[in-house]
Amino acid sequence: QVQLVESGGDSVQAGGSLRLSCAASKYFISMAWFRQRSGQGREAVARISSDFNTDYVNAVRGRFTISRDNAKNTLYLDMNSLSSEDTAMYYCAAAWCSYGYWPPQEKYNYWGQGIQVTVSS
């Protein structure tokens, strides 16, 4: 059974930092982080390929860093300079295939259960 398990969510003050982790039970070629803010749809945050190419949405570029440890099948998201706008449920996602563009969310085969990040000002 494939599992993605997120950890590291917390409540922090604005300007603070957090590291999210996502432990996968298998190796995936494409992995990504998404988030869902209260009352809004789920949105992409960052993605990373098997060869460590990364891509970020404008709202987090320069503040967030996505990385992966293929030996541990673990995905990370380092978040710095957090603001209240980053308050959301964060989800990791994994896909068997490689994409040269941001794929639609339905292309991701597996999703974690989500973890809450709360930033207070």
N, C-alpha and C. Protein backbone atom coordinates (compact mmCIF):
# COMPACT_ATOMS: atom_id res chain seq x y z
N GLN A 1 0.85 -1.18 0.00
CA GLN A 1 0.00 0.00 0.00
C GLN A 1 0.89 1.24 0.00
N VAL A 2 0.63 2.13 -0.94
CA VAL A 2 1.42 3.35 -1.05
C VAL A 2 0.94 4.36 -0.01
N GLN A 3 1.90 4.95 0.67
CA GLN A 3 1.56 5.98 1.66
C GLN A 3 2.48 7.17 1.52
N LEU A 4 1.91 8.33 1.74
CA LEU A 4 2.66 9.57 1.86
C LEU A 4 2.28 10.17 3.21
N VAL A 5 3.26 10.39 4.06
CA VAL A 5 2.98 10.86 5.41
C VAL A 5 3.75 12.15 5.66
N GLU A 6 2.99 13.24 5.84
CA GLU A 6 3.60 14.54 6.09
C GLU A 6 3.87 14.72 7.58
N SER A 7 4.87 15.52 7.87
CA SER A 7 5.17 15.90 9.26
C SER A 7 5.82 17.27 9.25
N GLY A 8 5.90 17.89 10.43
CA GLY A 8 6.59 19.16 10.58
C GLY A 8 5.69 20.38 10.66
N GLY A 9 4.39 20.19 10.47
CA GLY A 9 3.49 21.32 10.58
C GLY A 9 3.46 21.87 11.99
N ASP A 10 3.20 23.16 12.09
CA ASP A 10 3.22 23.79 13.42
C ASP A 10 2.60 25.18 13.32
N SER A 11 2.53 25.83 14.47
CA SER A 11 2.12 27.23 14.53
C SER A 11 3.35 28.07 14.79
N VAL A 12 3.58 29.09 13.97
CA VAL A 12 4.76 29.93 14.11
C VAL A 12 4.38 31.38 13.98
N GLN A 13 5.27 32.25 14.41
CA GLN A 13 5.08 33.68 14.26
C GLN A 13 5.49 34.10 12.85
N ALA A 14 4.89 35.17 12.39
CA ALA A 14 5.28 35.73 11.10
C ALA A 14 6.78 36.02 11.07
N GLY A 15 7.39 35.70 9.94
CA GLY A 15 8.83 35.85 9.81
C GLY A 15 9.61 34.61 10.18
N GLY A 16 8.93 33.64 10.75
CA GLY A 16 9.59 32.41 11.18
C GLY A 16 9.77 31.42 10.05
N SER A 17 10.28 30.26 10.43
CA SER A 17 10.59 29.21 9.46
C SER A 17 10.05 27.87 9.93
N LEU A 18 9.79 27.01 8.96
CA LEU A 18 9.38 25.64 9.25
C LEU A 18 9.94 24.73 8.17
N ARG A 19 10.11 23.47 8.52
CA ARG A 19 10.46 22.46 7.53
C ARG A 19 9.39 21.38 7.55
N LEU A 20 8.77 21.16 6.41
CA LEU A 20 7.84 20.06 6.26
C LEU A 20 8.56 18.87 5.64
N SER A 21 8.16 17.68 6.04
CA SER A 21 8.70 16.46 5.46
C SER A 21 7.54 15.59 4.98
N CYS A 22 7.82 14.79 3.98
CA CYS A 22 6.84 13.85 3.47
C CYS A 22 7.55 12.54 3.19
N ALA A 23 7.25 11.55 3.99
CA ALA A 23 7.87 10.23 3.83
C ALA A 23 6.99 9.37 2.93
N ALA A 24 7.57 8.91 1.84
CA ALA A 24 6.83 8.08 0.89
C ALA A 24 7.24 6.62 1.05
N SER A 25 6.30 5.73 0.84
CA SER A 25 6.59 4.31 0.98
C SER A 25 7.24 3.73 -0.27
N LYS A 26 7.25 4.53 -1.34
CA LYS A 26 7.90 4.11 -2.58
C LYS A 26 8.59 5.31 -3.22
N TYR A 27 9.43 5.01 -4.20
CA TYR A 27 10.09 6.07 -4.97
C TYR A 27 9.14 6.56 -6.05
N PHE A 28 9.06 7.86 -6.21
CA PHE A 28 8.27 8.47 -7.26
C PHE A 28 9.14 9.40 -8.08
N ILE A 29 8.85 9.49 -9.36
CA ILE A 29 9.62 10.36 -10.23
C ILE A 29 9.33 11.83 -9.94
N SER A 30 8.07 12.18 -9.85
CA SER A 30 7.68 13.57 -9.63
C SER A 30 7.04 13.71 -8.25
N MET A 31 7.43 14.74 -7.53
CA MET A 31 6.82 15.02 -6.24
C MET A 31 6.57 16.51 -6.12
N ALA A 32 5.61 16.86 -5.30
CA ALA A 32 5.22 18.26 -5.21
C ALA A 32 4.57 18.54 -3.87
N TRP A 33 4.52 19.81 -3.55
CA TRP A 33 3.76 20.31 -2.41
C TRP A 33 2.62 21.18 -2.93
N PHE A 34 1.47 20.99 -2.32
CA PHE A 34 0.29 21.81 -2.57
C PHE A 34 -0.18 22.37 -1.24
N ARG A 35 -1.04 23.36 -1.29
CA ARG A 35 -1.64 23.86 -0.06
C ARG A 35 -3.07 24.30 -0.32
N GLN A 36 -3.84 24.31 0.74
CA GLN A 36 -5.22 24.76 0.65
C GLN A 36 -5.50 25.70 1.81
N ARG A 37 -5.73 26.94 1.47
CA ARG A 37 -6.07 27.93 2.49
C ARG A 37 -7.55 27.89 2.76
N SER A 38 -7.94 28.33 3.91
CA SER A 38 -9.33 28.26 4.34
C SER A 38 -10.24 28.92 3.31
N GLY A 39 -11.25 28.20 2.86
CA GLY A 39 -12.22 28.75 1.93
C GLY A 39 -11.76 28.82 0.50
N GLN A 40 -10.57 28.27 0.22
CA GLN A 40 -10.03 28.33 -1.14
C GLN A 40 -9.75 26.93 -1.66
N GLY A 41 -9.52 26.84 -2.95
CA GLY A 41 -9.16 25.57 -3.55
C GLY A 41 -7.71 25.22 -3.30
N ARG A 42 -7.37 23.98 -3.56
CA ARG A 42 -5.99 23.54 -3.40
C ARG A 42 -5.13 24.12 -4.51
N GLU A 43 -3.96 24.62 -4.15
CA GLU A 43 -3.09 25.27 -5.11
C GLU A 43 -1.69 24.69 -5.03
N ALA A 44 -1.00 24.74 -6.16
CA ALA A 44 0.38 24.25 -6.20
C ALA A 44 1.30 25.20 -5.45
N VAL A 45 2.36 24.64 -4.90
CA VAL A 45 3.37 25.43 -4.19
C VAL A 45 4.73 25.25 -4.85
N ALA A 46 5.17 24.00 -4.94
CA ALA A 46 6.49 23.71 -5.51
C ALA A 46 6.51 22.26 -5.98
N ARG A 47 7.38 22.00 -6.94
CA ARG A 47 7.51 20.63 -7.43
C ARG A 47 8.97 20.31 -7.70
N ILE A 48 9.29 19.03 -7.72
CA ILE A 48 10.67 18.61 -7.95
C ILE A 48 10.66 17.31 -8.73
N SER A 49 11.59 17.20 -9.65
CA SER A 49 11.68 16.00 -10.47
C SER A 49 12.69 15.03 -9.85
N SER A 50 12.81 13.88 -10.48
CA SER A 50 13.73 12.86 -9.97
C SER A 50 15.18 13.32 -10.06
N ASP A 51 15.46 14.22 -11.02
CA ASP A 51 16.83 14.73 -11.16
C ASP A 51 16.97 16.10 -10.53
N PHE A 52 16.08 16.41 -9.60
CA PHE A 52 16.19 17.57 -8.72
C PHE A 52 15.92 18.91 -9.40
N ASN A 53 15.30 18.91 -10.57
CA ASN A 53 14.82 20.17 -11.12
C ASN A 53 13.62 20.63 -10.32
N THR A 54 13.59 21.92 -10.01
CA THR A 54 12.53 22.46 -9.16
C THR A 54 11.76 23.57 -9.87
N ASP A 55 10.58 23.81 -9.35
CA ASP A 55 9.72 24.85 -9.89
C ASP A 55 8.86 25.36 -8.74
N TYR A 56 8.62 26.67 -8.71
CA TYR A 56 7.87 27.29 -7.62
C TYR A 56 6.81 28.23 -8.18
N VAL A 57 5.74 28.38 -7.43
CA VAL A 57 4.81 29.43 -7.78
C VAL A 57 5.37 30.75 -7.29
N ASN A 58 4.92 31.84 -7.91
CA ASN A 58 5.48 33.15 -7.60
C ASN A 58 5.34 33.52 -6.12
N ALA A 59 4.26 33.10 -5.50
CA ALA A 59 3.99 33.50 -4.12
C ALA A 59 5.03 33.00 -3.13
N VAL A 60 5.75 31.94 -3.49
CA VAL A 60 6.71 31.36 -2.54
C VAL A 60 8.14 31.38 -3.04
N ARG A 61 8.34 31.74 -4.30
CA ARG A 61 9.70 31.72 -4.86
C ARG A 61 10.61 32.65 -4.08
N GLY A 62 11.77 32.14 -3.72
CA GLY A 62 12.72 32.92 -2.94
C GLY A 62 12.57 32.75 -1.44
N ARG A 63 11.45 32.20 -1.00
CA ARG A 63 11.22 31.96 0.43
C ARG A 63 11.17 30.48 0.77
N PHE A 64 10.64 29.69 -0.13
CA PHE A 64 10.49 28.25 0.08
C PHE A 64 11.51 27.50 -0.77
N THR A 65 11.96 26.36 -0.26
CA THR A 65 12.86 25.49 -1.00
C THR A 65 12.35 24.06 -0.91
N ILE A 66 12.14 23.46 -2.07
CA ILE A 66 11.73 22.06 -2.12
C ILE A 66 12.97 21.21 -2.39
N SER A 67 13.04 20.08 -1.72
CA SER A 67 14.17 19.18 -1.92
C SER A 67 13.70 17.75 -1.67
N ARG A 68 14.54 16.81 -2.02
CA ARG A 68 14.18 15.41 -1.82
C ARG A 68 15.43 14.59 -1.55
N ASP A 69 15.24 13.54 -0.79
CA ASP A 69 16.29 12.57 -0.52
C ASP A 69 15.80 11.26 -1.12
N ASN A 70 16.32 10.92 -2.28
CA ASN A 70 15.83 9.73 -2.98
C ASN A 70 16.18 8.44 -2.24
N ALA A 71 17.26 8.45 -1.48
CA ALA A 71 17.64 7.26 -0.73
C ALA A 71 16.62 6.96 0.38
N LYS A 72 15.99 8.02 0.88
CA LYS A 72 15.01 7.87 1.96
C LYS A 72 13.57 7.99 1.46
N ASN A 73 13.39 8.22 0.16
CA ASN A 73 12.04 8.45 -0.39
C ASN A 73 11.31 9.53 0.40
N THR A 74 12.01 10.61 0.67
CA THR A 74 11.45 11.69 1.49
C THR A 74 11.54 13.02 0.76
N LEU A 75 10.46 13.76 0.84
CA LEU A 75 10.34 15.09 0.24
C LEU A 75 10.34 16.12 1.36
N TYR A 76 10.95 17.27 1.09
CA TYR A 76 11.01 18.34 2.09
C TYR A 76 10.50 19.65 1.50
N LEU A 77 10.07 20.51 2.40
CA LEU A 77 9.76 21.88 2.03
C LEU A 77 10.26 22.79 3.15
N ASP A 78 11.31 23.52 2.87
CA ASP A 78 11.83 24.51 3.81
C ASP A 78 11.15 25.84 3.54
N MET A 79 10.49 26.35 4.56
CA MET A 79 9.71 27.57 4.41
C MET A 79 10.30 28.66 5.30
N ASN A 80 10.68 29.77 4.71
CA ASN A 80 11.25 30.89 5.43
C ASN A 80 10.41 32.15 5.22
N SER A 81 10.63 33.13 6.08
CA SER A 81 9.92 34.41 5.99
C SER A 81 8.41 34.19 5.86
N LEU A 82 7.90 33.35 6.72
CA LEU A 82 6.49 32.99 6.66
C LEU A 82 5.62 34.18 7.02
N SER A 83 4.48 34.24 6.35
CA SER A 83 3.50 35.28 6.64
C SER A 83 2.14 34.60 6.84
N SER A 84 1.18 35.38 7.29
CA SER A 84 -0.16 34.84 7.52
C SER A 84 -0.76 34.28 6.24
N GLU A 85 -0.30 34.80 5.11
CA GLU A 85 -0.79 34.29 3.81
C GLU A 85 -0.37 32.84 3.56
N ASP A 86 0.61 32.36 4.30
CA ASP A 86 1.07 30.99 4.14
C ASP A 86 0.29 30.01 5.01
N THR A 87 -0.59 30.52 5.85
CA THR A 87 -1.41 29.64 6.68
C THR A 87 -2.29 28.78 5.79
N ALA A 88 -2.16 27.47 5.94
CA ALA A 88 -2.89 26.54 5.07
C ALA A 88 -2.66 25.12 5.52
N MET A 89 -3.44 24.23 4.95
CA MET A 89 -3.15 22.80 5.03
C MET A 89 -2.22 22.48 3.88
N TYR A 90 -1.10 21.85 4.18
CA TYR A 90 -0.12 21.53 3.15
C TYR A 90 -0.18 20.03 2.85
N TYR A 91 -0.13 19.72 1.55
CA TYR A 91 -0.21 18.34 1.09
C TYR A 91 1.00 18.01 0.22
N CYS A 92 1.55 16.82 0.39
CA CYS A 92 2.52 16.36 -0.59
C CYS A 92 1.81 15.45 -1.58
N ALA A 93 2.35 15.41 -2.77
CA ALA A 93 1.76 14.63 -3.84
C ALA A 93 2.88 13.96 -4.63
N ALA A 94 2.55 12.82 -5.22
CA ALA A 94 3.57 12.05 -5.94
C ALA A 94 2.98 11.48 -7.22
N ALA A 95 3.82 11.43 -8.23
CA ALA A 95 3.39 10.90 -9.52
C ALA A 95 4.44 9.94 -10.06
N TRP A 96 3.98 8.92 -10.79
CA TRP A 96 4.90 7.96 -11.39
C TRP A 96 5.63 8.55 -12.58
N CYS A 97 5.05 9.57 -13.22
CA CYS A 97 5.59 10.08 -14.48
C CYS A 97 6.35 11.38 -14.30
N SER A 98 7.11 11.72 -15.31
CA SER A 98 7.85 12.97 -15.36
C SER A 98 7.10 13.95 -16.24
N TYR A 99 7.04 15.20 -15.80
CA TYR A 99 6.34 16.23 -16.57
C TYR A 99 7.27 17.43 -16.75
N GLY A 100 7.28 17.97 -17.94
CA GLY A 100 8.10 19.14 -18.22
C GLY A 100 7.36 20.43 -17.98
N TYR A 101 6.23 20.36 -17.31
CA TYR A 101 5.40 21.51 -17.06
C TYR A 101 4.65 21.21 -15.78
N TRP A 102 3.93 22.20 -15.25
CA TRP A 102 3.08 21.94 -14.08
C TRP A 102 1.90 21.08 -14.53
N PRO A 103 1.84 19.83 -14.12
CA PRO A 103 0.72 18.99 -14.55
C PRO A 103 -0.54 19.33 -13.76
N PRO A 104 -1.71 19.02 -14.31
CA PRO A 104 -2.94 19.17 -13.52
C PRO A 104 -2.86 18.31 -12.26
N GLN A 105 -3.56 18.73 -11.22
CA GLN A 105 -3.48 18.01 -9.95
C GLN A 105 -3.87 16.54 -10.11
N GLU A 106 -4.78 16.27 -11.03
CA GLU A 106 -5.24 14.88 -11.18
C GLU A 106 -4.15 13.97 -11.74
N LYS A 107 -3.06 14.53 -12.22
CA LYS A 107 -1.96 13.72 -12.72
C LYS A 107 -1.12 13.13 -11.59
N TYR A 108 -1.28 13.68 -10.39
CA TYR A 108 -0.55 13.13 -9.24
C TYR A 108 -1.33 11.91 -8.73
N ASN A 109 -0.61 10.81 -8.61
CA ASN A 109 -1.25 9.54 -8.32
C ASN A 109 -1.58 9.35 -6.85
N TYR A 110 -0.79 9.96 -5.99
CA TYR A 110 -0.98 9.76 -4.55
C TYR A 110 -0.84 11.08 -3.81
N TRP A 111 -1.57 11.17 -2.71
CA TRP A 111 -1.58 12.36 -1.89
C TRP A 111 -1.43 12.00 -0.42
N GLY A 112 -0.76 12.89 0.31
CA GLY A 112 -0.71 12.73 1.76
C GLY A 112 -2.01 13.21 2.38
N GLN A 113 -2.11 13.02 3.68
CA GLN A 113 -3.33 13.37 4.39
C GLN A 113 -3.41 14.87 4.70
N GLY A 114 -2.31 15.55 4.55
CA GLY A 114 -2.28 16.98 4.82
C GLY A 114 -1.78 17.30 6.22
N ILE A 115 -1.14 18.45 6.34
CA ILE A 115 -0.65 18.90 7.65
C ILE A 115 -0.82 20.41 7.74
N GLN A 116 -1.21 20.87 8.92
CA GLN A 116 -1.56 22.27 9.10
C GLN A 116 -0.32 23.11 9.42
N VAL A 117 -0.24 24.24 8.73
CA VAL A 117 0.75 25.28 9.04
C VAL A 117 -0.03 26.55 9.35
N THR A 118 0.21 27.10 10.53
CA THR A 118 -0.48 28.32 10.95
C THR A 118 0.56 29.38 11.27
N VAL A 119 0.43 30.53 10.63
CA VAL A 119 1.36 31.64 10.84
C VAL A 119 0.58 32.80 11.44
N SER A 120 1.00 33.23 12.61
CA SER A 120 0.31 34.33 13.29
C SER A 120 1.15 35.59 13.20
N SER A 121 0.45 36.71 13.03
CA SER A 121 1.16 37.99 12.88
C SER A 121 1.19 38.75 14.20
